[in-house]
């Protein structure tokens, strides 16, 4: 998002009430009418589905300056997913009619939203392809690399993922069961590619981890 667009969007949403949520707190439930458009000031939100067998699969992650659920806002498509705070977050909530009016009056913002939605769709299709064709080891490695990009901090030759992600969190992101995630994690530990300390994930060699893809 360009700085000019980002500032315009932030200025719009900052006119509305700010909500704070703890990690793991539900924001929107399936088949629930949202309060409006949610804009992330700080933090990450995950969207996920739960299968009839109880398996949780993450659909998308929303980061700072994102706003959702736009399929419901623009197209009146009922929400089918869970929205949950992946980290502690701050959200502005704007009424549906207000955000629609804002987008109609600001075609540059609408174009930027369309651009980002299409990029998100492309990433989603790639992820679906990966989920259906990649081995469990590659899917876990891919998610760990993703987490280093968004939450990692380089220290010497290692990357520390500061946020506390459980095996359940990682399993949901990778589209794997918790048992499979734990098993594949142990394989990476045995290869000395990753480790953990005080619930912090440590990537010991990011280049070798990429070779697992």
N, C-alpha and C. Protein backbone atom coordinates (compact mmCIF):
# COMPACT_ATOMS: atom_id res chain seq x y z
N UNK A 1 0.85 -1.19 0.00
CA UNK A 1 0.00 0.00 0.00
C UNK A 1 0.89 1.25 0.00
N UNK A 2 0.64 2.16 -0.94
CA UNK A 2 1.40 3.40 -1.00
C UNK A 2 1.15 4.23 0.25
N UNK A 3 2.16 5.03 0.62
CA UNK A 3 2.07 5.82 1.85
C UNK A 3 0.88 6.78 1.81
N UNK A 4 0.65 7.38 0.65
CA UNK A 4 -0.47 8.32 0.51
C UNK A 4 -1.80 7.62 0.76
N UNK A 5 -1.97 6.44 0.16
CA UNK A 5 -3.19 5.66 0.34
C UNK A 5 -3.32 5.21 1.79
N UNK A 6 -2.20 4.73 2.34
CA UNK A 6 -2.20 4.25 3.72
C UNK A 6 -2.65 5.34 4.68
N UNK A 7 -2.13 6.55 4.49
CA UNK A 7 -2.50 7.67 5.35
C UNK A 7 -3.98 8.03 5.21
N UNK A 8 -4.47 7.97 3.98
CA UNK A 8 -5.88 8.30 3.74
C UNK A 8 -6.81 7.28 4.41
N UNK A 9 -6.46 5.99 4.28
CA UNK A 9 -7.27 4.93 4.87
C UNK A 9 -7.22 5.02 6.39
N UNK A 10 -6.01 5.23 6.93
CA UNK A 10 -5.87 5.33 8.39
C UNK A 10 -6.66 6.52 8.94
N UNK A 11 -6.60 7.64 8.23
CA UNK A 11 -7.32 8.84 8.67
C UNK A 11 -8.83 8.58 8.70
N UNK A 12 -9.32 7.83 7.71
CA UNK A 12 -10.75 7.51 7.69
C UNK A 12 -11.14 6.64 8.88
N UNK A 13 -10.43 5.54 9.09
CA UNK A 13 -10.82 4.60 10.14
C UNK A 13 -10.59 5.16 11.54
N UNK A 14 -9.64 6.07 11.69
CA UNK A 14 -9.34 6.61 13.03
C UNK A 14 -10.47 7.49 13.56
N UNK A 15 -11.47 7.76 12.73
CA UNK A 15 -12.65 8.50 13.20
C UNK A 15 -13.60 7.62 14.02
N UNK A 16 -13.32 6.30 14.03
CA UNK A 16 -14.24 5.37 14.67
C UNK A 16 -13.61 4.73 15.90
N UNK A 17 -14.43 3.96 16.60
CA UNK A 17 -14.01 3.39 17.89
C UNK A 17 -12.86 2.40 17.73
N UNK A 18 -11.90 2.48 18.66
CA UNK A 18 -10.76 1.57 18.66
C UNK A 18 -11.05 0.41 19.62
N UNK A 19 -10.85 -0.82 19.13
CA UNK A 19 -11.05 -2.02 19.94
C UNK A 19 -9.71 -2.71 20.14
N UNK A 20 -9.51 -3.28 21.32
CA UNK A 20 -8.29 -4.04 21.61
C UNK A 20 -8.66 -5.49 21.90
N UNK A 21 -7.86 -6.40 21.35
CA UNK A 21 -8.10 -7.83 21.53
C UNK A 21 -6.81 -8.53 21.94
N UNK A 22 -6.94 -9.52 22.82
CA UNK A 22 -5.80 -10.34 23.20
C UNK A 22 -5.59 -11.43 22.16
N UNK A 23 -4.38 -12.00 22.15
CA UNK A 23 -4.10 -13.12 21.25
C UNK A 23 -5.09 -14.24 21.52
N UNK A 24 -5.66 -14.79 20.44
CA UNK A 24 -6.60 -15.90 20.57
C UNK A 24 -8.04 -15.48 20.74
N UNK A 25 -8.28 -14.18 20.87
CA UNK A 25 -9.65 -13.70 21.07
C UNK A 25 -10.40 -13.66 19.74
N UNK A 26 -11.64 -14.14 19.75
CA UNK A 26 -12.47 -14.15 18.54
C UNK A 26 -12.92 -12.74 18.20
N UNK A 27 -12.93 -12.44 16.90
CA UNK A 27 -13.37 -11.13 16.41
C UNK A 27 -14.69 -11.28 15.65
N UNK A 28 -14.75 -12.24 14.73
CA UNK A 28 -15.98 -12.54 13.99
C UNK A 28 -16.16 -14.05 13.97
N UNK A 29 -17.38 -14.51 14.18
CA UNK A 29 -17.70 -15.93 14.10
C UNK A 29 -18.37 -16.23 12.76
N UNK A 30 -18.32 -17.49 12.30
CA UNK A 30 -19.02 -17.86 11.06
C UNK A 30 -20.51 -17.58 11.17
N UNK A 31 -21.09 -17.19 10.05
CA UNK A 31 -22.53 -16.92 9.97
C UNK A 31 -22.99 -15.79 10.89
N UNK A 32 -22.04 -14.97 11.29
CA UNK A 32 -22.37 -13.80 12.13
C UNK A 32 -22.24 -12.54 11.29
N UNK A 33 -23.21 -11.65 11.41
CA UNK A 33 -23.08 -10.36 10.73
C UNK A 33 -22.03 -9.53 11.44
N UNK A 34 -20.93 -9.16 10.76
CA UNK A 34 -19.90 -8.34 11.40
C UNK A 34 -20.45 -6.97 11.81
N UNK A 35 -19.74 -6.32 12.72
CA UNK A 35 -20.15 -4.98 13.17
C UNK A 35 -19.92 -3.94 12.08
N UNK A 36 -19.03 -4.25 11.15
CA UNK A 36 -18.69 -3.31 10.09
C UNK A 36 -17.38 -3.74 9.46
N UNK A 37 -16.59 -2.77 8.98
CA UNK A 37 -15.27 -3.05 8.43
C UNK A 37 -14.24 -2.88 9.53
N UNK A 38 -13.39 -3.88 9.71
CA UNK A 38 -12.37 -3.88 10.75
C UNK A 38 -11.02 -3.50 10.12
N UNK A 39 -10.38 -2.49 10.68
CA UNK A 39 -9.09 -2.01 10.18
C UNK A 39 -8.03 -2.28 11.25
N UNK A 40 -6.96 -2.96 10.87
CA UNK A 40 -5.93 -3.33 11.83
C UNK A 40 -4.92 -2.19 11.99
N UNK A 41 -4.90 -1.60 13.17
CA UNK A 41 -3.91 -0.58 13.49
C UNK A 41 -2.58 -1.23 13.84
N UNK A 42 -2.64 -2.27 14.67
CA UNK A 42 -1.45 -3.02 15.07
C UNK A 42 -1.81 -4.49 15.22
N UNK A 43 -0.93 -5.37 14.76
CA UNK A 43 -1.12 -6.79 14.99
C UNK A 43 -1.52 -7.58 13.76
N UNK A 44 -1.85 -8.85 14.00
CA UNK A 44 -2.23 -9.77 12.93
C UNK A 44 -3.53 -10.49 13.29
N UNK A 45 -4.34 -10.73 12.28
CA UNK A 45 -5.60 -11.46 12.43
C UNK A 45 -5.56 -12.66 11.48
N UNK A 46 -5.97 -13.82 11.98
CA UNK A 46 -6.04 -14.99 11.08
C UNK A 46 -7.50 -15.33 10.81
N UNK A 47 -7.74 -15.76 9.58
CA UNK A 47 -9.05 -16.26 9.16
C UNK A 47 -8.91 -17.76 8.98
N UNK A 48 -9.80 -18.51 9.59
CA UNK A 48 -9.67 -19.96 9.47
C UNK A 48 -11.02 -20.64 9.41
N UNK A 49 -10.99 -21.89 8.93
CA UNK A 49 -12.19 -22.73 8.87
C UNK A 49 -11.92 -23.99 9.68
N UNK A 50 -12.99 -24.59 10.18
CA UNK A 50 -12.87 -25.85 10.91
C UNK A 50 -13.69 -26.91 10.18
N UNK A 51 -13.05 -28.01 9.82
CA UNK A 51 -13.72 -29.08 9.08
C UNK A 51 -14.66 -29.85 10.00
N UNK A 52 -15.56 -30.65 9.41
CA UNK A 52 -16.45 -31.49 10.24
C UNK A 52 -15.67 -32.43 11.16
N UNK A 53 -14.42 -32.74 10.78
CA UNK A 53 -13.58 -33.61 11.61
C UNK A 53 -12.84 -32.84 12.69
N UNK A 54 -13.04 -31.51 12.71
CA UNK A 54 -12.41 -30.69 13.74
C UNK A 54 -11.03 -30.18 13.39
N UNK A 55 -10.61 -30.35 12.13
CA UNK A 55 -9.29 -29.87 11.71
C UNK A 55 -9.38 -28.39 11.34
N UNK A 56 -8.52 -27.60 11.93
CA UNK A 56 -8.50 -26.15 11.67
C UNK A 56 -7.52 -25.84 10.54
N UNK A 57 -7.96 -25.07 9.56
CA UNK A 57 -7.09 -24.67 8.45
C UNK A 57 -7.15 -23.15 8.29
N UNK A 58 -5.99 -22.52 8.36
CA UNK A 58 -5.92 -21.07 8.19
C UNK A 58 -6.12 -20.71 6.72
N UNK A 59 -7.01 -19.77 6.48
CA UNK A 59 -7.31 -19.32 5.12
C UNK A 59 -6.43 -18.15 4.73
N UNK A 60 -6.28 -17.19 5.65
CA UNK A 60 -5.54 -15.97 5.33
C UNK A 60 -5.08 -15.29 6.61
N UNK A 61 -4.01 -14.50 6.49
CA UNK A 61 -3.55 -13.66 7.59
C UNK A 61 -3.65 -12.20 7.17
N UNK A 62 -4.22 -11.38 8.03
CA UNK A 62 -4.31 -9.94 7.79
C UNK A 62 -3.31 -9.23 8.69
N UNK A 63 -2.56 -8.29 8.11
CA UNK A 63 -1.53 -7.56 8.85
C UNK A 63 -1.94 -6.10 9.03
N UNK A 64 -1.03 -5.30 9.60
CA UNK A 64 -1.28 -3.87 9.79
C UNK A 64 -1.81 -3.22 8.52
N UNK A 65 -2.75 -2.31 8.69
CA UNK A 65 -3.33 -1.50 7.60
C UNK A 65 -4.27 -2.29 6.68
N UNK A 66 -4.56 -3.54 7.04
CA UNK A 66 -5.55 -4.31 6.28
C UNK A 66 -6.94 -4.06 6.86
N UNK A 67 -7.95 -4.24 6.03
CA UNK A 67 -9.31 -4.14 6.54
C UNK A 67 -10.17 -5.24 5.93
N UNK A 68 -11.13 -5.71 6.71
CA UNK A 68 -11.91 -6.90 6.37
C UNK A 68 -13.26 -6.82 7.09
N UNK A 69 -14.25 -7.68 6.73
CA UNK A 69 -14.31 -8.68 5.66
C UNK A 69 -14.94 -8.05 4.43
N UNK A 70 -14.13 -7.80 3.41
CA UNK A 70 -14.58 -7.01 2.28
C UNK A 70 -15.55 -7.74 1.35
N UNK A 71 -15.53 -9.08 1.36
CA UNK A 71 -16.53 -9.80 0.55
C UNK A 71 -17.94 -9.52 1.07
N UNK A 72 -18.05 -9.43 2.39
CA UNK A 72 -19.35 -9.10 2.99
C UNK A 72 -19.67 -7.63 2.80
N UNK A 73 -18.67 -6.77 2.96
CA UNK A 73 -18.89 -5.32 2.83
C UNK A 73 -19.36 -4.96 1.43
N UNK A 74 -18.66 -5.45 0.41
CA UNK A 74 -18.92 -5.02 -0.96
C UNK A 74 -19.99 -5.88 -1.65
N UNK A 75 -19.93 -7.20 -1.42
CA UNK A 75 -20.80 -8.10 -2.19
C UNK A 75 -21.90 -8.76 -1.37
N UNK A 76 -21.99 -8.44 -0.09
CA UNK A 76 -23.01 -9.05 0.79
C UNK A 76 -22.90 -10.57 0.85
N UNK A 77 -21.69 -11.09 0.65
CA UNK A 77 -21.48 -12.54 0.77
C UNK A 77 -21.39 -12.88 2.26
N UNK A 78 -22.25 -13.76 2.75
CA UNK A 78 -22.22 -14.09 4.18
C UNK A 78 -20.85 -14.63 4.61
N UNK A 79 -20.43 -14.25 5.79
CA UNK A 79 -19.15 -14.72 6.30
C UNK A 79 -19.24 -16.18 6.74
N UNK A 80 -18.28 -16.99 6.29
CA UNK A 80 -18.26 -18.42 6.63
C UNK A 80 -17.10 -18.78 7.55
N UNK A 81 -16.27 -17.80 7.89
CA UNK A 81 -15.02 -18.11 8.58
C UNK A 81 -14.93 -17.52 9.98
N UNK A 82 -13.97 -18.07 10.72
CA UNK A 82 -13.60 -17.52 12.02
C UNK A 82 -12.53 -16.45 11.79
N UNK A 83 -12.64 -15.32 12.47
CA UNK A 83 -11.59 -14.30 12.48
C UNK A 83 -11.10 -14.20 13.92
N UNK A 84 -9.80 -14.35 14.11
CA UNK A 84 -9.24 -14.43 15.46
C UNK A 84 -7.93 -13.66 15.53
N UNK A 85 -7.66 -13.05 16.68
CA UNK A 85 -6.41 -12.32 16.88
C UNK A 85 -5.25 -13.31 16.95
N UNK A 86 -4.34 -13.23 15.99
CA UNK A 86 -3.16 -14.09 16.00
C UNK A 86 -2.12 -13.56 16.98
N UNK A 87 -2.14 -12.25 17.17
CA UNK A 87 -1.28 -11.55 18.13
C UNK A 87 -2.18 -10.56 18.88
N UNK A 88 -1.68 -9.92 19.94
CA UNK A 88 -2.45 -8.81 20.50
C UNK A 88 -2.67 -7.75 19.42
N UNK A 89 -3.89 -7.23 19.30
CA UNK A 89 -4.19 -6.31 18.20
C UNK A 89 -5.02 -5.12 18.65
N UNK A 90 -4.96 -4.08 17.82
CA UNK A 90 -5.84 -2.92 17.95
C UNK A 90 -6.57 -2.75 16.62
N UNK A 91 -7.89 -2.59 16.69
CA UNK A 91 -8.74 -2.51 15.50
C UNK A 91 -9.67 -1.32 15.57
N UNK A 92 -9.80 -0.62 14.44
CA UNK A 92 -10.88 0.35 14.30
C UNK A 92 -12.04 -0.36 13.58
N UNK A 93 -13.27 -0.02 13.95
CA UNK A 93 -14.44 -0.63 13.31
C UNK A 93 -15.33 0.47 12.74
N UNK A 94 -15.47 0.47 11.40
CA UNK A 94 -16.30 1.48 10.71
C UNK A 94 -17.59 0.83 10.23
N UNK A 95 -18.73 1.51 10.35
CA UNK A 95 -20.00 0.97 9.85
C UNK A 95 -19.92 0.66 8.35
N UNK A 96 -20.66 -0.35 7.94
CA UNK A 96 -20.62 -0.81 6.55
C UNK A 96 -20.93 0.31 5.57
N UNK A 97 -21.98 1.09 5.83
CA UNK A 97 -22.37 2.14 4.88
C UNK A 97 -21.30 3.24 4.79
N UNK A 98 -20.56 3.45 5.88
CA UNK A 98 -19.51 4.48 5.89
C UNK A 98 -18.33 4.07 5.01
N UNK A 99 -17.89 2.80 5.14
CA UNK A 99 -16.75 2.36 4.34
C UNK A 99 -17.14 2.27 2.86
N UNK A 100 -18.37 1.87 2.57
CA UNK A 100 -18.82 1.83 1.17
C UNK A 100 -18.82 3.23 0.56
N UNK A 101 -19.30 4.18 1.30
CA UNK A 101 -19.32 5.57 0.84
C UNK A 101 -17.90 6.10 0.65
N UNK A 102 -17.01 5.74 1.57
CA UNK A 102 -15.61 6.16 1.48
C UNK A 102 -14.95 5.60 0.22
N UNK A 103 -15.18 4.32 -0.07
CA UNK A 103 -14.59 3.69 -1.25
C UNK A 103 -15.14 4.29 -2.54
N UNK A 104 -16.43 4.57 -2.56
CA UNK A 104 -17.05 5.16 -3.75
C UNK A 104 -16.51 6.55 -4.05
N UNK A 105 -16.17 7.29 -3.01
CA UNK A 105 -15.67 8.65 -3.18
C UNK A 105 -14.16 8.71 -3.37
N UNK A 106 -13.48 7.58 -3.18
CA UNK A 106 -12.02 7.55 -3.29
C UNK A 106 -11.59 6.40 -4.19
N UNK A 107 -11.68 6.59 -5.51
CA UNK A 107 -11.34 5.51 -6.44
C UNK A 107 -9.90 5.03 -6.32
N UNK A 108 -8.98 5.90 -5.87
CA UNK A 108 -7.60 5.47 -5.69
C UNK A 108 -7.49 4.43 -4.58
N UNK A 109 -8.28 4.60 -3.52
CA UNK A 109 -8.29 3.63 -2.43
C UNK A 109 -8.94 2.33 -2.90
N UNK A 110 -10.02 2.45 -3.66
CA UNK A 110 -10.71 1.26 -4.19
C UNK A 110 -9.80 0.48 -5.13
N UNK A 111 -9.04 1.19 -5.97
CA UNK A 111 -8.10 0.51 -6.88
C UNK A 111 -7.03 -0.21 -6.08
N UNK A 112 -6.52 0.44 -5.03
CA UNK A 112 -5.50 -0.19 -4.19
C UNK A 112 -6.07 -1.44 -3.52
N UNK A 113 -7.31 -1.36 -3.04
CA UNK A 113 -7.95 -2.51 -2.42
C UNK A 113 -8.09 -3.65 -3.42
N UNK A 114 -8.52 -3.33 -4.64
CA UNK A 114 -8.66 -4.35 -5.69
C UNK A 114 -7.32 -5.00 -6.00
N UNK A 115 -6.29 -4.18 -6.08
CA UNK A 115 -4.93 -4.68 -6.35
C UNK A 115 -4.50 -5.67 -5.27
N UNK A 116 -4.73 -5.31 -4.01
CA UNK A 116 -4.31 -6.17 -2.90
C UNK A 116 -5.17 -7.43 -2.81
N UNK A 117 -6.45 -7.32 -3.12
CA UNK A 117 -7.31 -8.50 -3.12
C UNK A 117 -6.87 -9.50 -4.18
N UNK A 118 -6.48 -9.00 -5.35
CA UNK A 118 -6.02 -9.89 -6.42
C UNK A 118 -4.68 -10.54 -6.06
N UNK A 119 -3.80 -9.77 -5.42
CA UNK A 119 -2.54 -10.35 -4.95
C UNK A 119 -2.82 -11.44 -3.92
N UNK A 120 -3.78 -11.16 -3.02
CA UNK A 120 -4.14 -12.15 -2.02
C UNK A 120 -4.73 -13.40 -2.64
N UNK A 121 -5.54 -13.22 -3.69
CA UNK A 121 -6.13 -14.35 -4.39
C UNK A 121 -5.04 -15.21 -5.05
N UNK A 122 -4.04 -14.55 -5.62
CA UNK A 122 -2.93 -15.27 -6.24
C UNK A 122 -2.18 -16.11 -5.21
N UNK A 123 -1.91 -15.51 -4.04
CA UNK A 123 -1.21 -16.24 -2.98
C UNK A 123 -2.05 -17.40 -2.47
N UNK A 124 -3.37 -17.18 -2.41
CA UNK A 124 -4.26 -18.24 -1.94
C UNK A 124 -4.27 -19.42 -2.90
N UNK A 125 -4.29 -19.14 -4.21
CA UNK A 125 -4.29 -20.23 -5.19
C UNK A 125 -2.96 -21.00 -5.14
N UNK A 126 -1.86 -20.27 -4.94
CA UNK A 126 -0.56 -20.94 -4.80
C UNK A 126 -0.55 -21.82 -3.56
N UNK A 127 -1.16 -21.32 -2.49
CA UNK A 127 -1.20 -22.09 -1.24
C UNK A 127 -2.07 -23.33 -1.40
N UNK A 128 -3.18 -23.21 -2.10
CA UNK A 128 -4.03 -24.37 -2.35
C UNK A 128 -3.26 -25.42 -3.14
N UNK A 129 -2.52 -24.96 -4.14
CA UNK A 129 -1.69 -25.87 -4.94
C UNK A 129 -0.68 -26.57 -4.05
N UNK A 130 -0.07 -25.80 -3.16
CA UNK A 130 0.93 -26.37 -2.26
C UNK A 130 0.31 -27.38 -1.31
N UNK A 131 -0.87 -27.06 -0.78
CA UNK A 131 -1.54 -27.96 0.16
C UNK A 131 -1.92 -29.29 -0.49
N UNK A 132 -2.19 -29.25 -1.79
CA UNK A 132 -2.63 -30.47 -2.47
C UNK A 132 -1.48 -31.26 -3.09
N UNK A 133 -0.33 -30.64 -3.27
CA UNK A 133 0.77 -31.33 -3.96
C UNK A 133 2.03 -31.49 -3.12
N UNK A 134 2.24 -30.66 -2.12
CA UNK A 134 3.49 -30.70 -1.36
C UNK A 134 3.43 -31.70 -0.22
N UNK A 135 4.59 -32.23 0.13
CA UNK A 135 4.71 -33.11 1.28
C UNK A 135 4.58 -32.29 2.56
N UNK A 136 4.29 -32.98 3.66
CA UNK A 136 4.12 -32.31 4.95
C UNK A 136 5.37 -31.54 5.34
N UNK A 137 6.54 -32.10 5.06
CA UNK A 137 7.80 -31.44 5.43
C UNK A 137 7.96 -30.11 4.71
N UNK A 138 7.58 -30.09 3.42
CA UNK A 138 7.70 -28.85 2.64
C UNK A 138 6.69 -27.81 3.11
N UNK A 139 5.50 -28.26 3.48
CA UNK A 139 4.47 -27.33 3.95
C UNK A 139 4.88 -26.69 5.27
N UNK A 140 5.47 -27.49 6.16
CA UNK A 140 5.94 -26.94 7.43
C UNK A 140 7.08 -25.96 7.20
N UNK A 141 8.03 -26.32 6.35
CA UNK A 141 9.16 -25.43 6.05
C UNK A 141 8.66 -24.12 5.46
N UNK A 142 7.68 -24.20 4.56
CA UNK A 142 7.13 -23.00 3.93
C UNK A 142 6.53 -22.06 4.95
N UNK A 143 5.78 -22.60 5.91
CA UNK A 143 5.15 -21.76 6.94
C UNK A 143 6.20 -21.15 7.85
N UNK A 144 7.22 -21.90 8.21
CA UNK A 144 8.28 -21.36 9.07
C UNK A 144 9.02 -20.22 8.37
N UNK A 145 9.25 -20.36 7.07
CA UNK A 145 9.89 -19.29 6.30
C UNK A 145 8.98 -18.07 6.25
N UNK A 146 7.67 -18.31 6.07
CA UNK A 146 6.70 -17.21 6.10
C UNK A 146 6.76 -16.48 7.44
N UNK A 147 6.82 -17.22 8.54
CA UNK A 147 6.85 -16.60 9.87
C UNK A 147 8.12 -15.79 10.09
N UNK A 148 9.24 -16.25 9.52
CA UNK A 148 10.49 -15.48 9.67
C UNK A 148 10.37 -14.12 8.98
N UNK A 149 9.67 -14.09 7.85
CA UNK A 149 9.53 -12.83 7.11
C UNK A 149 8.68 -11.82 7.87
N UNK A 150 7.67 -12.30 8.58
CA UNK A 150 6.72 -11.41 9.24
C UNK A 150 7.00 -11.18 10.72
N UNK A 151 7.64 -12.16 11.37
CA UNK A 151 7.84 -12.06 12.81
C UNK A 151 9.29 -12.27 13.24
N UNK A 152 10.17 -12.54 12.27
CA UNK A 152 11.55 -12.89 12.60
C UNK A 152 12.45 -11.71 12.90
N UNK A 153 13.43 -11.97 13.75
CA UNK A 153 14.46 -10.97 14.06
C UNK A 153 15.81 -11.67 13.96
N UNK A 154 16.69 -11.12 13.11
CA UNK A 154 17.98 -11.76 12.88
C UNK A 154 18.92 -11.49 14.04
N UNK A 155 19.51 -12.55 14.58
CA UNK A 155 20.50 -12.45 15.65
C UNK A 155 21.66 -13.34 15.28
N UNK A 156 22.80 -12.70 14.97
CA UNK A 156 23.98 -13.40 14.47
C UNK A 156 23.58 -14.15 13.20
N UNK A 157 23.73 -15.47 13.16
CA UNK A 157 23.40 -16.21 11.95
C UNK A 157 22.05 -16.91 12.04
N UNK A 158 21.29 -16.57 13.07
CA UNK A 158 20.00 -17.22 13.29
C UNK A 158 18.86 -16.22 13.17
N UNK A 159 17.65 -16.74 13.01
CA UNK A 159 16.46 -15.89 12.99
C UNK A 159 15.55 -16.33 14.13
N UNK A 160 15.19 -15.39 14.98
CA UNK A 160 14.33 -15.66 16.12
C UNK A 160 12.92 -15.19 15.80
N UNK A 161 11.95 -16.08 15.92
CA UNK A 161 10.54 -15.72 15.74
C UNK A 161 9.99 -15.36 17.11
N UNK A 162 9.76 -14.06 17.31
CA UNK A 162 9.47 -13.54 18.64
C UNK A 162 8.08 -13.91 19.16
N UNK A 163 7.09 -13.91 18.28
CA UNK A 163 5.74 -14.25 18.73
C UNK A 163 5.68 -15.72 19.14
N UNK A 164 4.87 -16.02 20.14
CA UNK A 164 4.76 -17.39 20.64
C UNK A 164 3.73 -18.16 19.82
N UNK A 165 4.22 -18.98 18.89
CA UNK A 165 3.34 -19.82 18.07
C UNK A 165 3.39 -21.25 18.58
N UNK A 166 2.24 -21.81 18.89
CA UNK A 166 2.17 -23.19 19.33
C UNK A 166 2.16 -24.12 18.11
N UNK A 167 2.32 -25.41 18.36
CA UNK A 167 2.23 -26.38 17.26
C UNK A 167 0.84 -26.35 16.65
N UNK A 168 -0.17 -26.04 17.46
CA UNK A 168 -1.55 -25.91 16.94
C UNK A 168 -1.63 -24.75 15.95
N UNK A 169 -1.01 -23.60 16.30
CA UNK A 169 -1.00 -22.44 15.40
C UNK A 169 -0.33 -22.80 14.07
N UNK A 170 0.84 -23.43 14.18
CA UNK A 170 1.62 -23.75 12.98
C UNK A 170 0.90 -24.81 12.15
N UNK A 171 0.28 -25.78 12.82
CA UNK A 171 -0.47 -26.82 12.10
C UNK A 171 -1.60 -26.21 11.29
N UNK A 172 -2.30 -25.24 11.88
CA UNK A 172 -3.40 -24.58 11.19
C UNK A 172 -2.90 -23.82 9.97
N UNK A 173 -1.77 -23.14 10.12
CA UNK A 173 -1.20 -22.38 9.01
C UNK A 173 -0.75 -23.30 7.88
N UNK A 174 -0.21 -24.46 8.25
CA UNK A 174 0.32 -25.39 7.25
C UNK A 174 -0.74 -26.33 6.69
N UNK A 175 -1.93 -26.34 7.30
CA UNK A 175 -2.97 -27.27 6.86
C UNK A 175 -2.63 -28.70 7.21
N UNK A 176 -2.00 -28.90 8.38
CA UNK A 176 -1.60 -30.22 8.85
C UNK A 176 -2.25 -30.50 10.20
N UNK A 177 -2.26 -31.77 10.59
CA UNK A 177 -2.71 -32.10 11.94
C UNK A 177 -1.60 -31.73 12.92
N UNK A 178 -1.96 -31.59 14.20
CA UNK A 178 -0.96 -31.28 15.21
C UNK A 178 0.08 -32.40 15.32
N UNK A 179 -0.39 -33.62 15.20
CA UNK A 179 0.51 -34.77 15.33
C UNK A 179 1.54 -34.77 14.20
N UNK A 180 1.07 -34.51 12.96
CA UNK A 180 1.99 -34.47 11.82
C UNK A 180 2.97 -33.31 11.96
N UNK A 181 2.47 -32.16 12.41
CA UNK A 181 3.34 -31.00 12.61
C UNK A 181 4.43 -31.30 13.62
N UNK A 182 4.08 -31.93 14.74
CA UNK A 182 5.06 -32.26 15.77
C UNK A 182 6.09 -33.25 15.24
N UNK A 183 5.64 -34.21 14.45
CA UNK A 183 6.55 -35.21 13.88
C UNK A 183 7.53 -34.56 12.90
N UNK A 184 7.01 -33.69 12.02
CA UNK A 184 7.88 -33.03 11.04
C UNK A 184 8.81 -32.02 11.72
N UNK A 185 8.32 -31.39 12.79
CA UNK A 185 9.16 -30.46 13.55
C UNK A 185 10.38 -31.19 14.13
N UNK A 186 10.15 -32.38 14.68
CA UNK A 186 11.25 -33.16 15.26
C UNK A 186 12.29 -33.50 14.21
N UNK A 187 11.84 -33.77 12.98
CA UNK A 187 12.78 -34.07 11.89
C UNK A 187 13.67 -32.86 11.61
N UNK A 188 13.07 -31.66 11.60
CA UNK A 188 13.85 -30.44 11.36
C UNK A 188 14.81 -30.17 12.52
N UNK A 189 14.37 -30.48 13.74
CA UNK A 189 15.25 -30.33 14.91
C UNK A 189 16.44 -31.28 14.79
N UNK A 190 16.18 -32.52 14.41
CA UNK A 190 17.26 -33.50 14.27
C UNK A 190 18.26 -33.10 13.19
N UNK A 191 17.78 -32.37 12.18
CA UNK A 191 18.67 -31.86 11.13
C UNK A 191 19.38 -30.58 11.55
N UNK A 192 19.05 -30.11 12.77
CA UNK A 192 19.62 -28.88 13.34
C UNK A 192 19.26 -27.63 12.53
N UNK A 193 18.12 -27.69 11.83
CA UNK A 193 17.66 -26.53 11.07
C UNK A 193 16.86 -25.58 11.95
N UNK A 194 16.18 -26.13 12.95
CA UNK A 194 15.37 -25.32 13.85
C UNK A 194 15.57 -25.79 15.28
N UNK A 195 15.16 -24.95 16.21
CA UNK A 195 15.14 -25.31 17.63
C UNK A 195 14.15 -24.40 18.32
N UNK A 196 13.94 -24.61 19.59
CA UNK A 196 13.04 -23.74 20.35
C UNK A 196 13.57 -23.57 21.76
N UNK A 197 13.25 -22.40 22.33
CA UNK A 197 13.68 -22.10 23.69
C UNK A 197 12.69 -21.12 24.29
N UNK A 198 12.15 -21.48 25.46
CA UNK A 198 11.16 -20.63 26.13
C UNK A 198 10.01 -20.26 25.19
N UNK A 199 9.53 -21.26 24.43
CA UNK A 199 8.40 -21.10 23.50
C UNK A 199 8.72 -20.15 22.35
N UNK A 200 10.00 -19.89 22.12
CA UNK A 200 10.44 -19.07 20.99
C UNK A 200 11.03 -19.97 19.92
N UNK A 201 10.64 -19.77 18.67
CA UNK A 201 11.15 -20.57 17.56
C UNK A 201 12.45 -19.97 17.05
N UNK A 202 13.45 -20.82 16.85
CA UNK A 202 14.76 -20.38 16.36
C UNK A 202 15.04 -21.09 15.05
N UNK A 203 15.27 -20.32 14.01
CA UNK A 203 15.67 -20.88 12.71
C UNK A 203 17.19 -20.81 12.66
N UNK A 204 17.83 -21.97 12.71
CA UNK A 204 19.30 -22.01 12.78
C UNK A 204 19.96 -21.77 11.43
N UNK A 205 19.31 -22.19 10.36
CA UNK A 205 19.89 -22.03 9.02
C UNK A 205 18.75 -21.86 8.01
N UNK A 206 18.45 -20.61 7.68
CA UNK A 206 17.31 -20.32 6.80
C UNK A 206 17.53 -20.86 5.39
N UNK A 207 18.78 -20.83 4.90
CA UNK A 207 19.05 -21.30 3.54
C UNK A 207 18.84 -22.81 3.43
N UNK A 208 19.28 -23.55 4.43
CA UNK A 208 19.07 -24.99 4.41
C UNK A 208 17.59 -25.33 4.60
N UNK A 209 16.90 -24.49 5.37
CA UNK A 209 15.46 -24.71 5.54
C UNK A 209 14.74 -24.54 4.21
N UNK A 210 15.19 -23.58 3.40
CA UNK A 210 14.59 -23.36 2.08
C UNK A 210 14.77 -24.58 1.18
N UNK A 211 15.83 -25.35 1.41
CA UNK A 211 16.06 -26.55 0.61
C UNK A 211 15.05 -27.65 0.91
N UNK A 212 14.29 -27.48 2.00
CA UNK A 212 13.26 -28.46 2.35
C UNK A 212 11.99 -28.27 1.51
N UNK A 213 11.91 -27.15 0.80
CA UNK A 213 10.70 -26.86 0.01
C UNK A 213 10.62 -27.78 -1.21
